[in-house]
N, C-alpha and C. Protein backbone atom coordinates (compact mmCIF):
# COMPACT_ATOMS: atom_id res chain seq x y z
N MET A 1 -41.28 -38.64 -4.64
CA MET A 1 -40.98 -37.61 -3.70
C MET A 1 -39.94 -38.03 -2.60
N ALA A 2 -40.15 -39.36 -2.15
CA ALA A 2 -39.12 -39.96 -1.22
C ALA A 2 -37.81 -40.08 -2.02
N GLY A 3 -37.85 -40.38 -3.09
CA GLY A 3 -36.64 -40.61 -3.93
C GLY A 3 -35.80 -39.38 -4.04
N ASN A 4 -36.43 -38.12 -4.24
CA ASN A 4 -35.91 -36.87 -4.19
C ASN A 4 -35.33 -36.55 -2.90
N ILE A 5 -36.02 -36.74 -1.83
CA ILE A 5 -35.53 -36.30 -0.54
C ILE A 5 -34.16 -37.23 -0.13
N PHE A 6 -34.15 -38.60 -0.49
CA PHE A 6 -33.11 -39.38 -0.26
C PHE A 6 -32.00 -39.05 -1.22
N GLY A 7 -32.22 -38.61 -2.34
CA GLY A 7 -31.24 -38.08 -3.41
C GLY A 7 -30.58 -36.86 -2.88
N LYS A 8 -31.31 -35.92 -2.24
CA LYS A 8 -30.78 -34.71 -1.84
C LYS A 8 -29.91 -35.02 -0.63
N MET A 9 -30.42 -36.01 0.22
CA MET A 9 -29.54 -36.27 1.55
C MET A 9 -28.33 -37.14 1.18
N ALA A 10 -28.34 -37.73 0.14
CA ALA A 10 -27.13 -38.49 -0.50
C ALA A 10 -26.15 -37.46 -1.00
N ALA A 11 -26.73 -36.55 -1.79
CA ALA A 11 -25.91 -35.60 -2.25
C ALA A 11 -25.12 -34.72 -1.27
N ASP A 12 -25.95 -34.26 -0.11
CA ASP A 12 -25.20 -33.56 0.86
C ASP A 12 -24.25 -34.31 1.57
N THR A 13 -24.36 -35.62 1.76
CA THR A 13 -23.49 -36.46 2.57
C THR A 13 -22.23 -36.68 1.79
N LEU A 14 -22.31 -36.77 0.33
CA LEU A 14 -21.16 -37.14 -0.43
C LEU A 14 -20.55 -35.79 -0.92
N GLY A 15 -21.16 -34.70 -0.59
CA GLY A 15 -20.67 -33.24 -1.04
C GLY A 15 -20.96 -32.99 -2.40
N LEU A 16 -22.07 -33.49 -2.97
CA LEU A 16 -22.29 -33.36 -4.46
C LEU A 16 -23.08 -32.17 -4.65
N SER A 17 -23.75 -31.62 -3.47
CA SER A 17 -24.83 -30.67 -3.88
C SER A 17 -24.31 -29.23 -4.46
N ASP A 18 -23.14 -28.83 -4.20
CA ASP A 18 -22.71 -27.73 -4.92
C ASP A 18 -21.15 -27.58 -4.82
N ILE A 19 -20.53 -28.60 -5.40
CA ILE A 19 -19.06 -28.67 -5.43
C ILE A 19 -18.51 -27.60 -6.39
N GLY A 20 -17.41 -26.81 -5.87
CA GLY A 20 -16.94 -25.91 -6.65
C GLY A 20 -15.70 -26.45 -7.58
N LYS A 21 -15.39 -25.82 -8.65
CA LYS A 21 -14.25 -26.25 -9.57
C LYS A 21 -13.25 -24.98 -9.62
N ILE A 22 -11.96 -25.20 -9.52
CA ILE A 22 -10.94 -24.24 -9.75
C ILE A 22 -10.70 -23.92 -11.12
N ILE A 23 -10.92 -22.74 -11.62
CA ILE A 23 -10.89 -22.33 -13.00
C ILE A 23 -9.48 -22.16 -13.37
N GLU A 24 -9.13 -22.60 -14.55
CA GLU A 24 -7.75 -22.34 -15.28
C GLU A 24 -7.56 -20.87 -15.43
N PRO A 25 -6.51 -20.22 -15.30
CA PRO A 25 -6.28 -18.95 -15.81
C PRO A 25 -6.68 -18.50 -17.05
N LYS A 26 -6.46 -19.50 -18.04
CA LYS A 26 -6.90 -19.22 -19.41
C LYS A 26 -8.45 -18.95 -19.66
N ASP A 27 -9.21 -19.30 -18.58
CA ASP A 27 -10.67 -19.10 -18.57
C ASP A 27 -11.13 -18.00 -17.67
N PHE A 28 -10.19 -17.29 -17.16
CA PHE A 28 -10.67 -16.19 -16.13
C PHE A 28 -11.52 -15.29 -16.73
N ASP A 29 -11.36 -14.93 -18.09
CA ASP A 29 -12.16 -13.92 -18.77
C ASP A 29 -13.54 -14.30 -19.10
N LYS A 30 -13.91 -15.74 -18.76
CA LYS A 30 -15.23 -16.23 -19.06
C LYS A 30 -15.95 -16.37 -17.98
N VAL A 31 -15.62 -15.96 -16.65
CA VAL A 31 -16.28 -15.93 -15.53
C VAL A 31 -17.02 -14.73 -15.33
N ASP A 32 -18.26 -14.63 -14.56
CA ASP A 32 -18.97 -13.53 -14.40
C ASP A 32 -18.31 -12.47 -13.65
N GLY A 33 -17.39 -12.85 -12.71
CA GLY A 33 -16.72 -12.00 -11.92
C GLY A 33 -15.77 -11.09 -12.58
N ASP A 34 -15.25 -11.49 -13.69
CA ASP A 34 -14.27 -10.76 -14.55
C ASP A 34 -14.83 -9.36 -14.95
N ASP A 35 -16.13 -9.27 -15.15
CA ASP A 35 -16.85 -8.04 -15.59
C ASP A 35 -16.79 -6.98 -14.48
N TYR A 36 -16.38 -7.40 -13.36
CA TYR A 36 -16.46 -6.37 -12.15
C TYR A 36 -15.08 -5.97 -11.73
N ILE A 37 -14.01 -6.73 -12.31
CA ILE A 37 -12.61 -6.36 -11.80
C ILE A 37 -12.34 -4.91 -12.32
N MET A 38 -11.55 -4.25 -11.26
CA MET A 38 -11.29 -2.84 -11.58
C MET A 38 -9.85 -2.91 -12.42
N ASN A 39 -9.85 -3.27 -13.62
CA ASN A 39 -8.58 -3.34 -14.40
C ASN A 39 -7.89 -1.92 -14.48
N GLU A 40 -8.89 -0.88 -14.41
CA GLU A 40 -8.33 0.42 -14.58
C GLU A 40 -7.46 0.93 -13.47
N ASP A 41 -7.58 0.20 -12.26
CA ASP A 41 -6.82 0.38 -11.09
C ASP A 41 -5.78 -0.66 -10.72
N GLY A 42 -5.58 -1.48 -11.75
CA GLY A 42 -4.48 -2.50 -11.70
C GLY A 42 -4.91 -3.75 -11.06
N GLU A 43 -6.33 -3.94 -10.90
CA GLU A 43 -6.74 -5.14 -10.20
C GLU A 43 -6.49 -6.35 -11.20
N LYS A 44 -6.16 -7.45 -10.55
CA LYS A 44 -5.79 -8.66 -11.51
C LYS A 44 -6.34 -9.91 -10.88
N ILE A 45 -6.96 -10.79 -11.52
CA ILE A 45 -7.45 -12.09 -10.88
C ILE A 45 -6.34 -13.10 -10.86
N TYR A 46 -6.21 -13.72 -9.74
CA TYR A 46 -5.11 -14.82 -9.46
C TYR A 46 -5.79 -16.01 -9.24
N PHE A 47 -7.09 -16.13 -8.67
CA PHE A 47 -7.58 -17.48 -8.46
C PHE A 47 -9.03 -17.43 -8.49
N VAL A 48 -9.82 -18.55 -9.11
CA VAL A 48 -11.26 -18.48 -9.15
C VAL A 48 -11.65 -19.91 -8.73
N ILE A 49 -12.90 -19.95 -7.92
CA ILE A 49 -13.66 -21.02 -7.56
C ILE A 49 -14.97 -20.90 -8.09
N LYS A 50 -15.48 -21.82 -8.91
CA LYS A 50 -16.67 -21.56 -9.41
C LYS A 50 -17.57 -22.87 -9.14
N SER A 51 -18.87 -22.52 -8.55
CA SER A 51 -19.70 -23.49 -8.27
C SER A 51 -20.97 -23.53 -9.08
N LYS A 52 -21.99 -24.30 -8.86
CA LYS A 52 -23.33 -24.04 -9.69
C LYS A 52 -23.91 -22.62 -9.55
N SER A 53 -23.84 -22.18 -8.20
CA SER A 53 -24.48 -20.91 -7.89
C SER A 53 -23.54 -19.75 -7.53
N ASP A 54 -22.34 -19.97 -7.34
CA ASP A 54 -21.41 -18.83 -6.77
C ASP A 54 -20.07 -18.84 -7.62
N GLU A 55 -19.55 -17.71 -7.48
CA GLU A 55 -18.12 -17.63 -7.88
C GLU A 55 -17.32 -16.94 -6.88
N TYR A 56 -16.07 -17.35 -6.55
CA TYR A 56 -15.28 -16.79 -5.67
C TYR A 56 -13.95 -16.29 -6.40
N VAL A 57 -13.76 -15.01 -6.76
CA VAL A 57 -12.82 -14.64 -7.45
C VAL A 57 -11.74 -13.77 -6.54
N PHE A 58 -10.51 -14.39 -6.48
CA PHE A 58 -9.44 -13.82 -5.58
C PHE A 58 -8.61 -12.91 -6.41
N THR A 59 -8.36 -11.78 -6.09
CA THR A 59 -7.63 -10.65 -6.82
C THR A 59 -6.51 -10.21 -5.93
N ASN A 60 -5.59 -9.45 -6.50
CA ASN A 60 -4.62 -8.81 -5.65
C ASN A 60 -5.08 -7.87 -4.71
N ARG A 61 -6.44 -7.42 -4.83
CA ARG A 61 -7.05 -6.30 -4.01
C ARG A 61 -7.90 -6.98 -3.07
N GLY A 62 -8.36 -8.30 -3.30
CA GLY A 62 -9.34 -8.75 -2.29
C GLY A 62 -10.22 -9.97 -2.80
N LEU A 63 -11.33 -10.12 -2.43
CA LEU A 63 -12.30 -11.04 -2.81
C LEU A 63 -13.48 -10.50 -3.51
N LEU A 64 -13.82 -11.02 -4.82
CA LEU A 64 -15.15 -10.75 -5.20
C LEU A 64 -16.09 -11.95 -5.26
N HIS A 65 -17.19 -11.88 -4.52
CA HIS A 65 -17.90 -13.03 -4.43
C HIS A 65 -19.33 -12.76 -5.18
N VAL A 66 -19.42 -13.54 -6.43
CA VAL A 66 -20.71 -13.43 -7.21
C VAL A 66 -21.58 -14.50 -6.64
N ASP A 67 -22.65 -13.96 -5.79
CA ASP A 67 -23.46 -14.89 -4.98
C ASP A 67 -24.83 -15.08 -5.76
N GLY A 68 -25.02 -16.39 -5.95
CA GLY A 68 -26.15 -16.77 -6.59
C GLY A 68 -27.17 -17.34 -5.61
N ALA A 69 -28.51 -17.03 -5.86
CA ALA A 69 -29.55 -17.39 -4.98
C ALA A 69 -29.67 -19.11 -4.97
N SER A 70 -29.49 -19.54 -6.21
CA SER A 70 -29.47 -20.91 -6.49
C SER A 70 -28.94 -21.33 -7.97
N ALA A 71 -28.76 -22.58 -8.12
CA ALA A 71 -28.20 -22.95 -9.43
C ALA A 71 -29.03 -22.71 -10.65
N ILE A 72 -30.37 -22.64 -10.41
CA ILE A 72 -31.33 -22.56 -11.45
C ILE A 72 -31.73 -20.98 -11.61
N SER A 73 -31.30 -20.13 -10.70
CA SER A 73 -31.63 -18.64 -10.81
C SER A 73 -30.56 -17.89 -11.58
N LYS A 74 -30.91 -16.93 -12.26
CA LYS A 74 -30.11 -16.11 -13.04
C LYS A 74 -29.67 -14.82 -12.08
N LYS A 75 -30.43 -14.70 -11.00
CA LYS A 75 -30.28 -13.55 -10.12
C LYS A 75 -28.81 -13.69 -9.40
N ARG A 76 -28.07 -12.52 -9.53
CA ARG A 76 -26.69 -12.59 -8.71
C ARG A 76 -26.57 -11.43 -7.87
N THR A 77 -25.82 -11.44 -6.90
CA THR A 77 -25.45 -10.29 -5.97
C THR A 77 -23.94 -10.39 -5.98
N VAL A 78 -23.35 -9.25 -6.39
CA VAL A 78 -21.84 -8.94 -6.26
C VAL A 78 -21.52 -8.38 -5.09
N LYS A 79 -20.46 -9.11 -4.31
CA LYS A 79 -20.07 -8.57 -3.10
C LYS A 79 -18.46 -8.28 -3.04
N ARG A 80 -18.01 -7.32 -2.58
CA ARG A 80 -16.56 -7.17 -2.66
C ARG A 80 -15.99 -7.18 -1.07
N TYR A 81 -14.85 -7.71 -0.94
CA TYR A 81 -14.24 -7.62 0.27
C TYR A 81 -12.63 -7.36 0.03
N ASP A 82 -12.46 -6.05 0.41
CA ASP A 82 -10.94 -5.55 0.03
C ASP A 82 -9.97 -5.87 1.27
N PHE A 83 -8.88 -6.29 0.75
CA PHE A 83 -7.81 -6.34 1.83
C PHE A 83 -7.43 -5.16 2.76
N TYR A 84 -7.65 -4.02 2.03
CA TYR A 84 -7.38 -2.84 2.71
C TYR A 84 -8.22 -2.46 3.84
N TYR A 85 -9.46 -2.94 3.92
CA TYR A 85 -10.48 -2.75 4.91
C TYR A 85 -10.72 -3.92 5.84
N GLU A 86 -10.49 -5.19 5.37
CA GLU A 86 -10.80 -6.31 6.08
C GLU A 86 -9.82 -7.29 6.13
N ARG A 87 -9.42 -7.74 7.44
CA ARG A 87 -8.55 -8.75 7.65
C ARG A 87 -8.74 -10.11 7.38
N VAL A 88 -7.90 -10.91 6.76
CA VAL A 88 -8.06 -12.35 6.58
C VAL A 88 -7.81 -13.09 7.83
N ASN A 89 -8.65 -13.96 8.36
CA ASN A 89 -8.32 -14.74 9.39
C ASN A 89 -9.00 -16.15 9.34
N SER A 90 -8.74 -16.97 10.39
CA SER A 90 -9.31 -18.24 10.60
C SER A 90 -9.32 -19.11 9.40
N VAL A 91 -8.12 -19.21 8.53
CA VAL A 91 -7.95 -19.98 7.38
C VAL A 91 -7.79 -21.40 7.74
N THR A 92 -8.50 -22.26 7.25
CA THR A 92 -8.42 -23.77 7.51
C THR A 92 -8.79 -24.46 6.13
N LEU A 93 -8.22 -25.64 6.09
CA LEU A 93 -8.31 -26.52 4.80
C LEU A 93 -8.56 -27.87 5.35
N GLU A 94 -9.78 -28.43 4.87
CA GLU A 94 -10.27 -29.67 5.33
C GLU A 94 -10.24 -30.61 4.11
N THR A 95 -9.52 -31.73 4.22
CA THR A 95 -9.26 -32.66 3.08
C THR A 95 -10.49 -33.69 3.14
N ALA A 96 -10.45 -34.46 2.06
CA ALA A 96 -11.59 -35.38 1.95
C ALA A 96 -11.49 -36.57 2.67
N GLY A 97 -12.64 -37.10 3.24
CA GLY A 97 -12.83 -38.50 3.91
C GLY A 97 -12.92 -39.54 2.86
N THR A 98 -12.98 -40.79 3.33
CA THR A 98 -13.15 -41.93 2.35
C THR A 98 -14.22 -41.77 1.28
N VAL A 99 -15.47 -41.49 1.82
CA VAL A 99 -16.61 -41.37 0.87
C VAL A 99 -16.75 -39.86 0.24
N ASP A 100 -16.11 -38.91 0.80
CA ASP A 100 -16.33 -37.55 0.28
C ASP A 100 -15.69 -37.32 -1.06
N LEU A 101 -16.34 -36.40 -1.78
CA LEU A 101 -15.96 -36.13 -3.04
C LEU A 101 -15.46 -34.80 -3.18
N ASP A 102 -15.55 -33.99 -2.01
CA ASP A 102 -15.05 -32.63 -1.97
C ASP A 102 -14.02 -32.42 -0.84
N ILE A 103 -13.38 -31.25 -0.98
CA ILE A 103 -12.51 -30.76 0.14
C ILE A 103 -13.08 -29.40 0.42
N GLU A 104 -12.66 -28.70 1.53
CA GLU A 104 -13.21 -27.57 1.87
C GLU A 104 -12.17 -26.42 2.40
N ILE A 105 -12.41 -25.24 2.05
CA ILE A 105 -11.51 -24.21 2.57
C ILE A 105 -12.40 -23.24 3.24
N LYS A 106 -11.96 -22.90 4.56
CA LYS A 106 -12.72 -21.82 5.23
C LYS A 106 -12.01 -20.74 5.66
N PHE A 107 -12.51 -19.68 5.69
CA PHE A 107 -11.71 -18.28 6.11
C PHE A 107 -12.76 -17.22 6.38
N SER A 108 -12.21 -16.15 6.91
CA SER A 108 -12.84 -15.00 7.22
C SER A 108 -12.46 -13.76 6.69
N PHE A 109 -13.35 -12.89 6.13
CA PHE A 109 -12.73 -11.45 5.86
C PHE A 109 -13.54 -10.58 6.91
N GLY A 110 -12.74 -10.09 7.92
CA GLY A 110 -13.38 -9.43 8.87
C GLY A 110 -14.19 -10.32 9.71
N ASN A 111 -15.52 -9.93 9.74
CA ASN A 111 -16.68 -10.75 10.42
C ASN A 111 -17.29 -11.58 9.46
N GLN A 112 -17.03 -11.57 8.30
CA GLN A 112 -17.76 -12.37 7.27
C GLN A 112 -17.12 -13.71 7.10
N GLY A 113 -17.73 -14.82 7.43
CA GLY A 113 -16.99 -16.13 7.11
C GLY A 113 -17.53 -16.81 5.78
N PHE A 114 -16.56 -17.62 5.31
CA PHE A 114 -16.86 -18.35 4.04
C PHE A 114 -16.41 -19.72 4.25
N SER A 115 -17.16 -20.58 3.63
CA SER A 115 -16.85 -22.00 3.60
C SER A 115 -17.24 -22.57 2.11
N ILE A 116 -16.08 -23.09 1.48
CA ILE A 116 -16.21 -23.40 -0.02
C ILE A 116 -15.79 -24.70 -0.24
N ASP A 117 -16.69 -25.52 -0.79
CA ASP A 117 -16.53 -26.93 -1.06
C ASP A 117 -16.04 -26.96 -2.47
N VAL A 118 -14.81 -27.79 -2.71
CA VAL A 118 -14.07 -27.86 -3.93
C VAL A 118 -13.82 -29.39 -4.25
N ASP A 119 -13.88 -29.72 -5.58
CA ASP A 119 -13.61 -31.05 -6.10
C ASP A 119 -12.25 -31.67 -5.46
N LYS A 120 -12.29 -32.68 -4.84
CA LYS A 120 -11.02 -33.13 -4.05
C LYS A 120 -9.99 -33.44 -4.97
N LYS A 121 -10.17 -33.55 -6.27
CA LYS A 121 -9.17 -33.81 -7.29
C LYS A 121 -8.25 -32.53 -7.43
N GLN A 122 -8.67 -31.43 -7.07
CA GLN A 122 -7.91 -30.26 -7.11
C GLN A 122 -7.42 -29.78 -5.70
N LEU A 123 -6.99 -30.79 -4.96
CA LEU A 123 -6.59 -30.41 -3.56
C LEU A 123 -5.20 -29.64 -3.68
N GLU A 124 -4.22 -30.05 -4.61
CA GLU A 124 -2.93 -29.40 -4.66
C GLU A 124 -3.04 -27.93 -5.11
N LYS A 125 -4.14 -27.63 -5.88
CA LYS A 125 -4.24 -26.20 -6.31
C LYS A 125 -4.91 -25.34 -5.13
N LEU A 126 -5.89 -26.18 -4.41
CA LEU A 126 -6.46 -25.50 -3.24
C LEU A 126 -5.44 -25.22 -2.20
N LYS A 127 -4.45 -25.98 -2.08
CA LYS A 127 -3.31 -25.82 -1.12
C LYS A 127 -2.73 -24.58 -1.34
N ASP A 128 -2.44 -24.18 -2.61
CA ASP A 128 -1.73 -22.93 -3.07
C ASP A 128 -2.59 -21.68 -2.61
N LEU A 129 -3.92 -21.83 -2.75
CA LEU A 129 -4.79 -20.72 -2.15
C LEU A 129 -4.76 -20.64 -0.63
N TYR A 130 -4.76 -21.70 -0.07
CA TYR A 130 -4.59 -21.71 1.46
C TYR A 130 -3.36 -21.03 1.90
N LYS A 131 -2.25 -21.37 1.36
CA LYS A 131 -0.91 -20.87 1.80
C LYS A 131 -0.96 -19.21 1.47
N ALA A 132 -1.56 -18.75 0.34
CA ALA A 132 -1.51 -17.39 0.05
C ALA A 132 -2.48 -16.71 1.05
N LEU A 133 -3.49 -17.18 1.40
CA LEU A 133 -4.40 -16.43 2.42
C LEU A 133 -3.83 -16.39 3.70
N VAL A 134 -3.14 -17.68 4.29
CA VAL A 134 -2.37 -17.58 5.43
C VAL A 134 -1.51 -16.48 5.67
N GLU A 135 -0.66 -16.52 4.56
CA GLU A 135 0.48 -15.40 4.44
C GLU A 135 -0.07 -14.05 4.54
N ILE A 136 -1.26 -13.66 3.78
CA ILE A 136 -1.97 -12.37 3.70
C ILE A 136 -2.34 -12.20 5.10
N GLY A 137 -2.97 -12.87 5.77
CA GLY A 137 -3.41 -12.83 7.19
C GLY A 137 -2.25 -12.47 8.13
N ARG A 138 -1.19 -13.16 7.87
CA ARG A 138 0.06 -12.94 8.84
C ARG A 138 0.46 -11.42 8.55
N ILE A 139 0.66 -11.04 7.17
CA ILE A 139 1.20 -9.69 6.95
C ILE A 139 0.21 -8.66 7.53
N GLN A 140 -1.08 -8.86 7.31
CA GLN A 140 -1.98 -7.91 7.84
C GLN A 140 -2.05 -7.86 9.42
N GLY A 141 -1.58 -8.93 10.12
CA GLY A 141 -1.52 -9.09 11.58
C GLY A 141 -0.29 -8.17 11.98
N LYS A 142 0.89 -8.40 11.25
CA LYS A 142 1.81 -7.54 11.53
C LYS A 142 1.82 -6.04 11.31
N ASN A 143 1.05 -5.89 10.27
CA ASN A 143 0.67 -4.32 10.06
C ASN A 143 -0.21 -3.71 11.09
N ASN A 144 -1.19 -4.52 11.45
CA ASN A 144 -2.08 -3.92 12.77
C ASN A 144 -1.29 -3.73 13.80
N ALA A 145 -0.34 -4.55 14.35
CA ALA A 145 0.49 -4.47 15.49
C ALA A 145 1.44 -3.27 15.30
N ARG A 146 1.86 -3.07 14.03
CA ARG A 146 2.77 -1.64 14.07
C ARG A 146 1.83 -0.44 13.98
N VAL A 147 0.68 -0.51 13.51
CA VAL A 147 -0.26 0.65 13.67
C VAL A 147 -0.61 0.86 15.12
N GLU A 148 -0.95 -0.14 15.81
CA GLU A 148 -1.17 -0.04 17.28
C GLU A 148 0.09 0.54 18.07
N ASP A 149 1.21 0.02 17.69
CA ASP A 149 2.41 0.64 18.39
C ASP A 149 2.54 1.99 18.10
N GLY A 150 2.18 2.42 16.86
CA GLY A 150 2.32 3.90 16.45
C GLY A 150 1.32 4.81 17.26
N ILE A 151 0.05 4.24 17.37
CA ILE A 151 -1.04 4.93 18.08
C ILE A 151 -0.58 5.08 19.41
N ASN A 152 -0.01 3.97 20.12
CA ASN A 152 0.33 4.18 21.48
C ASN A 152 1.50 5.14 21.68
N GLY A 153 2.45 5.11 20.81
CA GLY A 153 3.53 6.01 20.86
C GLY A 153 3.14 7.42 20.80
N LEU A 154 2.02 7.78 19.95
CA LEU A 154 1.56 9.11 19.86
C LEU A 154 0.72 9.45 21.06
N LYS A 155 -0.07 8.52 21.56
CA LYS A 155 -0.67 8.89 22.76
C LYS A 155 0.15 9.26 23.97
N MET A 156 1.36 8.58 24.03
CA MET A 156 2.27 8.97 25.09
C MET A 156 2.82 10.22 24.85
N ALA A 157 3.14 10.51 23.45
CA ALA A 157 3.71 11.90 23.32
C ALA A 157 2.65 12.94 23.59
N ASN A 158 1.44 12.70 23.27
CA ASN A 158 0.37 13.69 23.47
C ASN A 158 0.24 13.98 25.10
N ASP A 159 0.23 12.84 25.94
CA ASP A 159 0.17 12.96 27.23
C ASP A 159 1.29 13.81 27.80
N ALA A 160 2.46 13.46 27.23
CA ALA A 160 3.76 14.31 27.73
C ALA A 160 3.50 15.85 27.41
N ILE A 161 2.91 16.20 26.27
CA ILE A 161 2.86 17.65 25.88
C ILE A 161 1.84 18.27 26.94
N THR A 162 0.93 17.59 27.37
CA THR A 162 -0.27 18.14 28.21
C THR A 162 0.19 18.44 29.56
N ARG A 163 1.55 17.80 29.88
CA ARG A 163 1.98 18.03 31.22
C ARG A 163 3.13 19.20 31.11
N CYS A 164 3.38 19.75 29.76
CA CYS A 164 4.41 20.82 29.66
C CYS A 164 3.61 22.18 29.62
N SER A 165 4.49 23.15 29.89
CA SER A 165 3.89 24.51 29.70
C SER A 165 4.44 25.04 28.46
N LEU A 166 3.52 25.27 27.63
CA LEU A 166 3.73 25.61 26.21
C LEU A 166 3.42 27.24 26.06
N GLU A 167 4.30 27.78 25.31
CA GLU A 167 4.17 29.23 25.04
C GLU A 167 3.54 29.44 23.65
N GLY A 168 2.76 30.49 23.61
CA GLY A 168 2.12 30.82 22.44
C GLY A 168 0.64 30.83 22.31
N ASN A 169 -0.06 31.16 21.37
CA ASN A 169 -1.45 31.17 21.21
C ASN A 169 -2.09 29.80 21.32
N PRO A 170 -2.97 29.61 22.41
CA PRO A 170 -3.58 28.27 22.69
C PRO A 170 -4.22 27.57 21.38
N ALA A 171 -5.02 28.41 20.69
CA ALA A 171 -5.68 27.98 19.50
C ALA A 171 -4.67 27.49 18.39
N ASP A 172 -3.65 28.21 18.20
CA ASP A 172 -2.62 27.87 17.28
C ASP A 172 -1.87 26.54 17.75
N ILE A 173 -1.66 26.26 19.00
CA ILE A 173 -0.91 25.17 19.57
C ILE A 173 -1.85 23.97 19.29
N ILE A 174 -3.24 24.28 19.60
CA ILE A 174 -4.16 23.07 19.51
C ILE A 174 -4.19 22.63 17.96
N LYS A 175 -4.19 23.66 17.19
CA LYS A 175 -4.37 23.37 15.70
C LYS A 175 -3.15 22.60 15.24
N ASP A 176 -1.96 22.97 15.68
CA ASP A 176 -0.62 22.29 15.25
C ASP A 176 -0.57 20.95 15.76
N ILE A 177 -1.06 20.59 16.99
CA ILE A 177 -1.15 19.35 17.58
C ILE A 177 -2.05 18.37 16.77
N ALA A 178 -3.17 19.00 16.43
CA ALA A 178 -4.25 18.23 15.70
C ALA A 178 -3.76 17.75 14.32
N ASN A 179 -3.14 18.69 13.69
CA ASN A 179 -2.58 18.56 12.33
C ASN A 179 -1.48 17.46 12.40
N PHE A 180 -0.66 17.65 13.23
CA PHE A 180 0.41 16.58 13.48
C PHE A 180 -0.16 15.16 13.76
N ASN A 181 -1.13 15.13 14.69
CA ASN A 181 -1.76 13.70 14.88
C ASN A 181 -2.44 13.21 13.79
N PHE A 182 -3.02 14.11 13.05
CA PHE A 182 -3.78 13.50 11.68
C PHE A 182 -2.67 13.02 10.76
N ASP A 183 -1.67 13.77 10.58
CA ASP A 183 -0.67 13.35 9.58
C ASP A 183 0.13 12.07 10.05
N TRP A 184 0.19 12.01 11.24
CA TRP A 184 0.96 10.87 11.97
C TRP A 184 0.12 9.51 11.68
N MET A 185 -1.28 9.69 11.91
CA MET A 185 -2.09 8.53 11.77
C MET A 185 -2.15 8.14 10.19
N GLU A 186 -2.36 9.31 9.29
CA GLU A 186 -2.41 8.93 7.81
C GLU A 186 -1.05 8.26 7.41
N ASN A 187 -0.12 8.73 7.94
CA ASN A 187 1.14 8.10 7.42
C ASN A 187 1.33 6.59 7.95
N LEU A 188 0.88 6.35 9.22
CA LEU A 188 0.86 4.97 9.81
C LEU A 188 0.00 4.05 8.86
N ARG A 189 -1.08 4.44 8.50
CA ARG A 189 -2.03 3.56 7.70
C ARG A 189 -1.59 3.46 6.31
N THR A 190 -0.93 4.57 5.72
CA THR A 190 -0.41 4.41 4.45
C THR A 190 0.71 3.35 4.25
N ILE A 191 1.64 3.39 5.23
CA ILE A 191 2.80 2.61 5.33
C ILE A 191 2.47 1.15 5.74
N HIS A 192 1.58 0.97 6.64
CA HIS A 192 1.24 -0.37 7.14
C HIS A 192 -0.02 -0.93 7.00
N ASN A 193 -0.68 -0.78 5.77
CA ASN A 193 -1.87 -1.19 5.30
C ASN A 193 -1.81 -1.46 3.78
N ASN A 194 -1.47 -2.66 3.41
CA ASN A 194 -1.32 -3.06 1.97
C ASN A 194 -2.75 -2.98 1.31
N ARG A 195 -2.73 -2.39 0.12
CA ARG A 195 -3.82 -2.56 -0.75
C ARG A 195 -3.76 -3.81 -1.69
N ASP A 196 -2.51 -3.85 -2.03
CA ASP A 196 -2.19 -4.92 -2.99
C ASP A 196 -1.20 -6.05 -2.51
N PHE A 197 -1.85 -7.24 -2.79
CA PHE A 197 -1.13 -8.40 -2.33
C PHE A 197 -0.71 -9.42 -3.60
N GLY A 198 -0.59 -8.61 -4.67
CA GLY A 198 -0.24 -9.40 -5.91
C GLY A 198 1.08 -10.21 -5.74
N GLU A 199 2.12 -9.73 -5.04
CA GLU A 199 3.23 -10.48 -4.81
C GLU A 199 3.14 -11.74 -4.00
N VAL A 200 2.25 -11.80 -3.12
CA VAL A 200 1.97 -12.99 -2.23
C VAL A 200 1.16 -14.08 -3.11
N PHE A 201 0.30 -13.70 -3.94
CA PHE A 201 -0.35 -14.67 -4.91
C PHE A 201 0.63 -15.23 -5.87
N GLU A 202 1.52 -14.26 -6.46
CA GLU A 202 2.58 -14.69 -7.47
C GLU A 202 3.52 -15.69 -6.68
N LYS A 203 3.71 -15.50 -5.56
CA LYS A 203 4.74 -16.51 -4.74
C LYS A 203 4.19 -17.87 -4.57
N TYR A 204 2.77 -17.87 -4.11
CA TYR A 204 2.29 -19.11 -3.77
C TYR A 204 1.32 -19.77 -4.81
N ILE A 205 0.66 -19.13 -5.80
CA ILE A 205 -0.10 -19.63 -6.71
C ILE A 205 0.60 -20.21 -7.84
N ASN A 206 0.49 -21.41 -8.16
CA ASN A 206 1.45 -22.06 -9.26
C ASN A 206 0.47 -22.27 -10.49
N ASN A 207 0.19 -21.51 -11.21
CA ASN A 207 -0.79 -21.57 -12.40
C ASN A 207 0.08 -21.97 -13.62
C-alpha cells in the first residue's frame, strides 16, 4: 500500500502520471478524435496530443477534446471548442526542469482553461503549436477590436439620427433603421470573425 502511494507521488513529481505524446500526421486517422472531424465542412487535423486518458485534436476550426475519465476506463466525452465562438488566450509554454520528464502547454478557449503535459523530448514540435495558438489569439484580438469599433460607430450614427427630424411613416423609419443595424452587425461579424485558421497552422506547424 505504502509502495503504491510513494510510487504515485514519485510519478506526479516526475511528470509520469499522464504525459502526452505528439502524434505524427501519418497516424492522425488512428486517433479517436478523427471520427468526430467534420470533413464534410472542410475541417482538417493539424496537431494531436494523446495521453493515456485524453486526446487534444487541433484543427483549422478549433479544438476537439476527447476527455477520458481515466486511463483504464473506456468512457469518453467529446467536447468541441470552435475558434468562431471562443477566443484563444493566456497561452504559455513551460519547459522541463532537471528532474522533469515533461513539458507543459497552457491556454484557454474563452473561460475554459487547459493544461497539457507532453514528453520533453518533443519540445521543438510543441513550440510550433505554441506559436500557432499565440498567433490565432492575436488575430482574434484584432478582429474583436474591429468589431467593437464598428459597434461604437453604429451607436454614434444611431444617436445622431435620433436628434434629427425625419420625414415619413415612423413605423417604416424604425423598420429601416433596425434592418440597417442588423445588416451592419452581421457584416461586421462575417468579415472580422475567422472560422478557419488553416493558414496559421500551415505557417507554424512543421510536420
